[in-house]
Amino acid sequence: MTRFKPIFIAIGLIFTITLIGMTGYIFIEGYRVLDAFYMTIITVATVGFQEVHPLSDAGRLFTAFLIMASFGTFAYALTAISKYV
């Protein structure tokens, strides 16, 4: 079980980043849950689709934070999975 620990941590971090993103968009921008989930996914995946609704300045700052945090999280997850394989 301990050899899977880094993978569980990586999955937990990705889940946490998703929850943080959704929560931020709901409270900062007033998005519905589905809109917040969609915005979080397109932001952390760096797909670059158009925003669901135009962002306020606070929403733009939050999005920048989310991109930086998710980049580090996905780098860690990729490393953990690569080590396992």
Protein backbone atom coordinates (compact mmCIF):
# COMPACT_ATOMS: atom_id res chain seq x y z
CA MET A 1 0.00 0.00 0.00
CA THR A 2 2.87 2.40 0.69
CA ARG A 3 4.12 2.09 -2.87
CA PHE A 4 0.81 3.56 -4.07
CA LYS A 5 0.92 6.45 -1.58
CA PRO A 6 2.37 9.02 -4.05
CA ILE A 7 -0.34 8.18 -6.57
CA PHE A 8 -3.07 8.57 -3.94
CA ILE A 9 -1.55 11.90 -2.91
CA ALA A 10 -1.47 13.05 -6.54
CA ILE A 11 -5.12 12.09 -7.08
CA GLY A 12 -6.06 13.81 -3.84
CA LEU A 13 -4.25 17.00 -4.88
CA ILE A 14 -5.98 17.04 -8.27
CA PHE A 15 -9.34 16.54 -6.55
CA THR A 16 -8.48 19.34 -4.08
CA ILE A 17 -7.47 21.76 -6.84
CA THR A 18 -10.77 21.02 -8.60
CA LEU A 19 -12.74 21.74 -5.42
CA ILE A 20 -10.78 24.93 -4.74
CA GLY A 21 -11.38 26.08 -8.31
CA MET A 22 -15.09 25.37 -8.18
CA THR A 23 -15.46 27.03 -4.79
CA GLY A 24 -13.57 30.10 -5.98
CA TYR A 25 -15.68 30.55 -9.08
CA ILE A 26 -18.89 30.04 -7.13
CA PHE A 27 -18.02 32.63 -4.45
CA ILE A 28 -16.03 35.13 -6.53
CA GLU A 29 -18.04 35.08 -9.76
CA GLY A 30 -21.37 33.68 -8.56
CA TYR A 31 -21.25 30.79 -11.04
CA ARG A 32 -23.57 27.82 -10.83
CA VAL A 33 -21.88 24.54 -9.80
CA LEU A 34 -21.74 23.16 -13.36
CA ASP A 35 -20.35 26.44 -14.75
CA ALA A 36 -17.74 26.53 -11.96
CA PHE A 37 -16.73 22.91 -12.65
CA TYR A 38 -16.44 23.62 -16.39
CA MET A 39 -14.37 26.78 -15.83
CA THR A 40 -12.08 24.91 -13.44
CA ILE A 41 -11.52 22.06 -15.88
CA ILE A 42 -10.79 24.28 -18.89
CA THR A 43 -8.49 26.41 -16.74
CA VAL A 44 -6.41 23.62 -15.19
CA ALA A 45 -6.28 21.72 -18.48
CA THR A 46 -5.09 24.93 -20.19
CA VAL A 47 -7.53 24.29 -23.03
CA GLY A 48 -8.15 28.00 -23.48
CA PHE A 49 -11.83 27.97 -24.39
CA GLN A 50 -13.81 31.11 -23.78
CA GLU A 51 -15.00 31.87 -20.25
CA VAL A 52 -18.54 30.90 -19.32
CA HIS A 53 -19.21 34.52 -18.38
CA PRO A 54 -16.87 37.54 -18.45
CA LEU A 55 -14.57 37.56 -15.41
CA SER A 56 -14.19 40.37 -12.91
CA ASP A 57 -10.72 41.51 -11.85
CA ALA A 58 -10.94 39.27 -8.79
CA GLY A 59 -11.97 36.38 -11.05
CA ARG A 60 -8.97 36.98 -13.30
CA LEU A 61 -6.61 37.00 -10.33
CA PHE A 62 -8.18 33.81 -9.03
CA THR A 63 -7.83 32.18 -12.46
CA ALA A 64 -4.14 33.12 -12.54
CA PHE A 65 -3.66 31.56 -9.09
CA LEU A 66 -5.54 28.45 -10.17
CA ILE A 67 -3.35 28.04 -13.26
CA MET A 68 -0.14 28.33 -11.22
CA ALA A 69 -1.35 25.96 -8.51
CA SER A 70 -2.64 23.38 -10.96
CA PHE A 71 0.55 23.44 -13.01
CA GLY A 72 2.58 22.39 -9.98
CA THR A 73 0.00 19.82 -8.97
CA PHE A 74 -0.10 18.17 -12.38
CA ALA A 75 3.71 18.18 -12.57
CA TYR A 76 3.81 16.35 -9.24
CA ALA A 77 1.12 13.91 -10.38
CA LEU A 78 2.95 13.15 -13.61
CA THR A 79 6.17 12.54 -11.69
CA ALA A 80 4.45 10.26 -9.17
CA ILE A 81 2.78 8.21 -11.86
CA SER A 82 5.96 8.00 -13.95
CA LYS A 83 7.93 6.75 -10.96
CA TYR A 84 5.35 4.06 -10.35
CA VAL A 85 5.37 2.86 -13.94
